[in-house]
């Protein structure tokens, strides 16, 4: 029985870690391009969750599978991300980093309070997104949602890596990340590249929202706050700016959280996760895959 419990905790950890990884990818992509920590990113998950809440009943009445709501969540979150970049962040390019940080926090508070005003603080239930039977592997049984979340996350991560490495726009993103001014001289549109980066990163938050709501079927205005912070820890652990680092960091944070809840205490799980952030910043601030970058003076 102890072995079965251990395997279940591992699967649960990988499942929630896959969600963290999707959100961490958004953090790391934006940071890699514009060196900005978009603390409003977690609230994009909340936006995607509310899209699913209102759209799923409509889809079910039309005879359309509920998982199609993920497409709408991605589209809405991508649009919100691009608008946020255009309205809030673009005017601050070249501004002190503290000003950008304060703006990111302000955008986060704006989205949370707007949701509070529109939908109230009461949690709203989410209809069943996926109809899949539990999967049995020997004596171990785990939910079909776990399988879908893990497999879908791996596919998305692999596709994103191929996009960054092998496509023209992916190469443009890497060029802007390396040297924005040189990229402009090479004919690359930095504005379009940055907007695409925000769209992809925010769209990943929309997918994460649907995956999260499938496992924890309720939405409320502050649902993205803690989720976003844990994903940020995952991005820092893996090496912020590194896509493989975001993937690995998310899985590791999910496993640590799951094991802490299963074997130590559910109340200490968050404390352990944020302790990892402190340890990483003290021991290896660049994270697992991060690189030390010298600054010219």
Protein backbone atom coordinates (compact mmCIF):
# COMPACT_ATOMS: atom_id res chain seq x y z
CA UNK A 1 0.00 0.00 0.00
CA UNK A 2 2.87 2.37 0.72
CA UNK A 3 4.20 1.83 -2.78
CA UNK A 4 0.75 2.49 -4.29
CA UNK A 5 0.45 5.70 -2.27
CA UNK A 6 3.91 6.78 -3.42
CA UNK A 7 3.05 6.20 -7.10
CA UNK A 8 -0.22 8.12 -6.70
CA UNK A 9 1.62 11.04 -5.13
CA UNK A 10 4.13 11.00 -8.00
CA UNK A 11 1.35 11.06 -10.60
CA UNK A 12 -0.46 13.85 -8.76
CA UNK A 13 2.78 15.78 -8.53
CA UNK A 14 3.51 15.43 -12.23
CA UNK A 15 -0.07 16.47 -13.04
CA UNK A 16 -0.02 19.70 -11.05
CA UNK A 17 3.62 20.21 -12.06
CA UNK A 18 2.58 20.08 -15.71
CA UNK A 19 0.18 22.96 -15.06
CA UNK A 20 2.93 24.89 -13.28
CA UNK A 21 5.24 24.20 -16.22
CA UNK A 22 2.74 25.63 -18.73
CA UNK A 23 2.41 28.80 -16.66
CA UNK A 24 6.17 28.98 -16.05
CA UNK A 25 6.72 28.84 -19.82
CA UNK A 26 4.75 32.07 -20.10
CA UNK A 27 6.94 33.72 -17.48
CA UNK A 28 10.17 32.51 -19.04
CA UNK A 29 9.24 33.41 -22.63
CA UNK A 30 8.34 36.99 -21.73
CA UNK A 31 11.43 37.38 -19.54
CA UNK A 32 13.64 35.91 -22.23
CA UNK A 33 12.49 38.51 -24.76
CA UNK A 34 11.90 41.74 -22.81
CA UNK A 35 13.50 40.93 -19.41
CA UNK A 36 10.13 41.50 -17.72
CA UNK A 37 8.58 39.47 -14.90
CA UNK A 38 4.90 39.65 -15.82
CA UNK A 39 3.30 39.18 -12.41
CA UNK A 40 -0.12 39.58 -14.04
CA UNK A 41 0.46 36.26 -15.81
CA UNK A 42 -1.18 34.25 -13.03
CA UNK A 43 -4.35 36.30 -13.41
CA UNK A 44 -4.56 35.36 -17.08
CA UNK A 45 -5.28 31.86 -15.74
CA UNK A 46 -8.22 33.29 -13.82
CA UNK A 47 -9.49 34.93 -17.03
CA UNK A 48 -9.24 31.61 -18.86
CA UNK A 49 -11.07 29.91 -16.01
CA UNK A 50 -14.03 32.28 -16.22
CA UNK A 51 -14.18 31.80 -19.98
CA UNK A 52 -14.52 28.06 -19.36
CA UNK A 53 -17.16 28.60 -16.66
CA UNK A 54 -19.49 30.51 -18.96
CA UNK A 55 -18.71 28.72 -22.21
CA UNK A 56 -18.88 25.06 -21.20
CA UNK A 57 -22.66 25.00 -20.42
CA UNK A 58 -23.32 26.70 -23.76
CA UNK A 59 -21.18 24.14 -25.61
CA UNK A 60 -22.86 21.22 -23.86
CA UNK A 61 -26.31 22.55 -24.80
CA UNK A 62 -25.13 22.75 -28.41
CA UNK A 63 -23.86 19.17 -28.29
CA UNK A 64 -20.22 20.29 -28.56
CA UNK A 65 -17.57 18.65 -26.31
CA UNK A 66 -16.65 20.75 -23.28
CA UNK A 67 -12.93 20.57 -24.05
CA UNK A 68 -13.49 22.93 -27.01
CA UNK A 69 -13.67 25.67 -24.37
CA UNK A 70 -9.87 25.42 -24.21
CA UNK A 71 -9.69 27.01 -27.68
CA UNK A 72 -11.73 30.01 -26.53
CA UNK A 73 -9.70 30.29 -23.31
CA UNK A 74 -6.48 30.35 -25.31
CA UNK A 75 -7.84 32.99 -27.68
CA UNK A 76 -9.15 35.27 -24.92
CA UNK A 77 -6.00 34.93 -22.79
CA UNK A 78 -3.78 35.60 -25.83
CA UNK A 79 -5.81 38.72 -26.62
CA UNK A 80 -5.60 39.94 -23.01
CA UNK A 81 -1.85 39.32 -23.03
CA UNK A 82 -1.28 41.30 -26.23
CA UNK A 83 -3.48 44.19 -25.02
CA UNK A 84 -1.63 44.24 -21.70
CA UNK A 85 1.69 44.46 -23.50
CA UNK A 86 0.50 47.22 -25.83
CA UNK A 87 -1.21 49.34 -23.19
CA UNK A 88 0.80 48.78 -20.02
CA UNK A 89 4.27 47.51 -20.91
CA UNK A 90 5.19 48.94 -24.31
CA UNK A 91 5.24 52.59 -23.09
CA UNK A 92 7.69 51.54 -20.36
CA UNK A 93 10.38 50.00 -22.56
CA UNK A 94 13.64 51.51 -21.42
CA UNK A 95 12.10 52.65 -18.12
CA UNK A 96 13.65 51.61 -14.77
CA UNK A 97 12.88 48.01 -13.87
CA UNK A 98 11.13 49.10 -10.68
CA UNK A 99 8.57 51.05 -12.71
CA UNK A 100 7.86 48.02 -14.88
CA UNK A 101 7.54 45.78 -11.81
CA UNK A 102 5.04 48.14 -10.18
CA UNK A 103 3.05 48.27 -13.41
CA UNK A 104 2.93 44.46 -13.60
CA UNK A 105 1.59 44.29 -10.04
CA UNK A 106 -0.94 47.03 -10.88
CA UNK A 107 -2.20 45.05 -13.89
CA UNK A 108 -2.57 41.98 -11.67
CA UNK A 109 -4.60 43.92 -9.09
CA UNK A 110 -6.72 45.48 -11.86
CA UNK A 111 -7.66 42.08 -13.31
CA UNK A 112 -8.43 40.61 -9.90
CA UNK A 113 -10.63 43.52 -8.82
CA UNK A 114 -12.36 43.65 -12.20
CA UNK A 115 -13.26 39.97 -11.82
CA UNK A 116 -14.38 40.65 -8.26
CA UNK A 117 -16.64 43.44 -9.49
CA UNK A 118 -18.10 41.45 -12.38
CA UNK A 119 -18.43 37.99 -10.82
CA UNK A 120 -18.28 38.55 -7.01
CA UNK A 121 -15.93 36.67 -4.71
CA UNK A 122 -18.07 33.52 -4.57
CA UNK A 123 -16.41 30.52 -6.25
CA UNK A 124 -18.18 29.37 -9.41
CA UNK A 125 -18.30 25.64 -10.21
CA UNK A 126 -16.87 24.42 -13.50
CA UNK A 127 -18.70 21.72 -15.45
CA UNK A 128 -16.86 18.52 -16.25
CA UNK A 129 -14.34 19.28 -18.99
CA UNK A 130 -13.21 15.77 -19.88
CA UNK A 131 -15.21 12.56 -19.74
CA UNK A 132 -12.55 9.91 -19.29
CA UNK A 133 -12.59 6.82 -17.13
CA UNK A 134 -9.90 6.22 -14.48
CA UNK A 135 -6.81 4.41 -15.70
CA UNK A 136 -5.63 1.25 -13.93
CA UNK A 137 -1.99 0.20 -14.05
CA UNK A 138 -1.63 -2.87 -11.85
CA UNK A 139 -2.77 -1.99 -8.34
CA UNK A 140 -2.54 1.74 -9.05
CA UNK A 141 -5.55 3.73 -10.24
CA UNK A 142 -5.37 7.38 -11.26
CA UNK A 143 -7.79 9.73 -12.94
CA UNK A 144 -8.10 10.19 -16.67
CA UNK A 145 -7.65 13.93 -16.14
CA UNK A 146 -4.13 13.24 -14.86
CA UNK A 147 -3.28 11.36 -18.05
CA UNK A 148 -4.72 14.07 -20.30
CA UNK A 149 -2.97 16.87 -18.41
CA UNK A 150 0.45 15.20 -18.45
CA UNK A 151 0.31 14.07 -22.09
CA UNK A 152 -1.08 17.37 -23.37
CA UNK A 153 1.51 19.35 -21.44
CA UNK A 154 4.36 17.26 -22.84
CA UNK A 155 3.04 17.68 -26.38
CA UNK A 156 2.71 21.45 -25.97
CA UNK A 157 6.17 21.77 -24.47
CA UNK A 158 7.75 19.74 -27.27
CA UNK A 159 5.86 21.74 -29.93
CA UNK A 160 6.96 25.02 -28.34
CA UNK A 161 10.57 23.92 -28.28
CA UNK A 162 10.38 22.94 -31.96
CA UNK A 163 8.74 26.27 -32.77
CA UNK A 164 11.47 28.26 -31.01
CA UNK A 165 14.31 26.27 -32.55
CA UNK A 166 13.02 25.59 -36.04
CA UNK A 167 10.71 28.33 -37.29
CA UNK A 168 11.43 31.77 -38.64
CA UNK A 169 9.46 33.52 -35.90
CA UNK A 170 11.12 31.35 -33.28
CA UNK A 171 14.53 32.40 -34.57
CA UNK A 172 13.35 36.02 -34.49
CA UNK A 173 12.41 35.59 -30.83
CA UNK A 174 15.85 34.23 -30.05
CA UNK A 175 17.47 37.08 -31.95
CA UNK A 176 15.50 39.73 -30.05
CA UNK A 177 16.34 37.96 -26.81
CA UNK A 178 20.07 37.98 -27.59
CA UNK A 179 20.32 41.58 -28.85
CA UNK A 180 17.22 43.64 -29.62
CA UNK A 181 19.10 46.45 -31.37
CA UNK A 182 21.04 44.08 -33.61
CA UNK A 183 17.77 42.28 -34.43
CA UNK A 184 16.27 45.56 -35.64
CA UNK A 185 19.29 46.11 -37.91
CA UNK A 186 18.69 42.64 -39.37
CA UNK A 187 15.14 43.62 -40.34
CA UNK A 188 13.31 41.89 -37.48
CA UNK A 189 10.22 43.66 -36.17
CA UNK A 190 10.70 43.71 -32.42
CA UNK A 191 7.17 44.98 -31.79
CA UNK A 192 5.61 42.08 -33.69
CA UNK A 193 7.99 39.59 -32.06
CA UNK A 194 7.22 40.83 -28.55
CA UNK A 195 3.47 40.79 -29.25
CA UNK A 196 3.70 37.21 -30.52
CA UNK A 197 5.65 36.22 -27.42
CA UNK A 198 2.96 37.67 -25.15
CA UNK A 199 0.25 35.97 -27.22
CA UNK A 200 1.90 32.54 -26.98
CA UNK A 201 2.75 32.89 -23.29
CA UNK A 202 -0.75 34.08 -22.40
CA UNK A 203 -2.31 31.38 -24.57
CA UNK A 204 -0.41 28.79 -22.55
CA UNK A 205 -2.02 30.29 -19.45
CA UNK A 206 -5.41 29.67 -21.09
CA UNK A 207 -4.57 25.99 -21.59
CA UNK A 208 -3.29 25.77 -18.02
CA UNK A 209 -6.57 27.30 -16.81
CA UNK A 210 -8.67 24.58 -18.45
CA UNK A 211 -6.33 21.83 -17.18
CA UNK A 212 -6.44 23.27 -13.67
CA UNK A 213 -10.21 23.66 -13.70
CA UNK A 214 -10.58 20.07 -14.88
CA UNK A 215 -8.74 18.90 -11.76
CA UNK A 216 -10.09 21.52 -9.33
CA UNK A 217 -13.53 22.45 -10.72
CA UNK A 218 -14.12 25.93 -9.38
CA UNK A 219 -13.08 29.47 -10.32
CA UNK A 220 -12.76 32.59 -8.19
CA UNK A 221 -11.04 35.98 -8.74
CA UNK A 222 -7.88 35.14 -6.79
CA UNK A 223 -7.31 31.63 -8.11
CA UNK A 224 -4.34 32.71 -10.24
CA UNK A 225 -2.40 34.42 -7.46
CA UNK A 226 -0.91 31.41 -5.69
CA UNK A 227 -0.77 29.35 -8.88
CA UNK A 228 1.15 32.14 -10.60
CA UNK A 229 3.59 32.51 -7.70
CA UNK A 230 4.34 28.78 -7.64
CA UNK A 231 4.87 28.81 -11.40
CA UNK A 232 7.27 31.74 -10.92
CA UNK A 233 9.20 29.65 -8.37
CA UNK A 234 9.30 26.87 -10.98
CA UNK A 235 10.65 29.26 -13.61
CA UNK A 236 13.37 30.52 -11.24
CA UNK A 237 14.27 26.97 -10.21
CA UNK A 238 14.65 25.82 -13.80
CA UNK A 239 16.43 29.00 -14.88
CA UNK A 240 14.18 31.84 -15.94
CA UNK A 241 14.57 32.45 -19.66
CA UNK A 242 15.12 28.74 -20.36
CA UNK A 243 12.22 26.77 -21.86
CA UNK A 244 13.56 23.33 -20.79
CA UNK A 245 14.22 24.88 -17.38
CA UNK A 246 10.59 25.98 -17.06
CA UNK A 247 9.43 22.46 -17.94
CA UNK A 248 11.75 20.78 -15.43
CA UNK A 249 11.13 23.39 -12.73
CA UNK A 250 7.36 22.98 -12.99
CA UNK A 251 7.55 19.19 -12.66
CA UNK A 252 9.95 19.40 -9.70
CA UNK A 253 7.80 21.94 -7.84
CA UNK A 254 4.72 19.79 -8.44
CA UNK A 255 6.50 16.71 -7.08
CA UNK A 256 7.81 18.56 -4.03
CA UNK A 257 4.34 19.93 -3.27
CA UNK A 258 2.67 16.54 -3.72
CA UNK A 259 5.20 14.69 -1.57
CA UNK A 260 4.99 17.32 1.16
CA UNK A 261 1.20 17.01 1.27
CA UNK A 262 1.33 13.21 1.21
CA UNK A 263 4.07 12.57 3.75
CA UNK A 264 4.59 15.70 5.87
CA UNK A 265 1.69 18.17 6.07
CA UNK A 266 -0.75 19.81 3.69
CA UNK A 267 -0.38 23.05 5.65
CA UNK A 268 3.39 23.15 5.09
CA UNK A 269 3.29 22.49 1.33
CA UNK A 270 3.30 26.16 0.30
CA UNK A 271 6.03 26.98 2.83
CA UNK A 272 8.26 24.24 1.41
CA UNK A 273 7.71 25.48 -2.16
CA UNK A 274 8.67 29.05 -1.32
CA UNK A 275 11.61 27.83 0.74
CA UNK A 276 12.93 26.34 -2.48
CA UNK A 277 12.86 29.82 -4.02
CA UNK A 278 14.97 31.19 -1.15
CA UNK A 279 17.45 28.32 -1.37
CA UNK A 280 17.80 28.66 -5.15
CA UNK A 281 18.40 32.41 -4.89
CA UNK A 282 21.05 31.84 -2.22
CA UNK A 283 22.83 28.86 -3.79
CA UNK A 284 22.34 29.16 -7.57
CA UNK A 285 20.42 32.31 -8.56
CA UNK A 286 20.56 31.42 -12.26
CA UNK A 287 18.61 28.18 -11.69
CA UNK A 288 19.31 24.73 -13.10
CA UNK A 289 19.64 25.70 -16.78
CA UNK A 290 20.29 29.41 -16.35
CA UNK A 291 23.53 31.05 -17.41
CA UNK A 292 25.57 33.77 -15.78
CA UNK A 293 25.47 36.83 -18.02
CA UNK A 294 28.05 39.54 -17.42
CA UNK A 295 27.04 43.17 -17.77
CA UNK A 296 29.20 45.77 -19.48
CA UNK A 297 29.99 48.84 -17.42
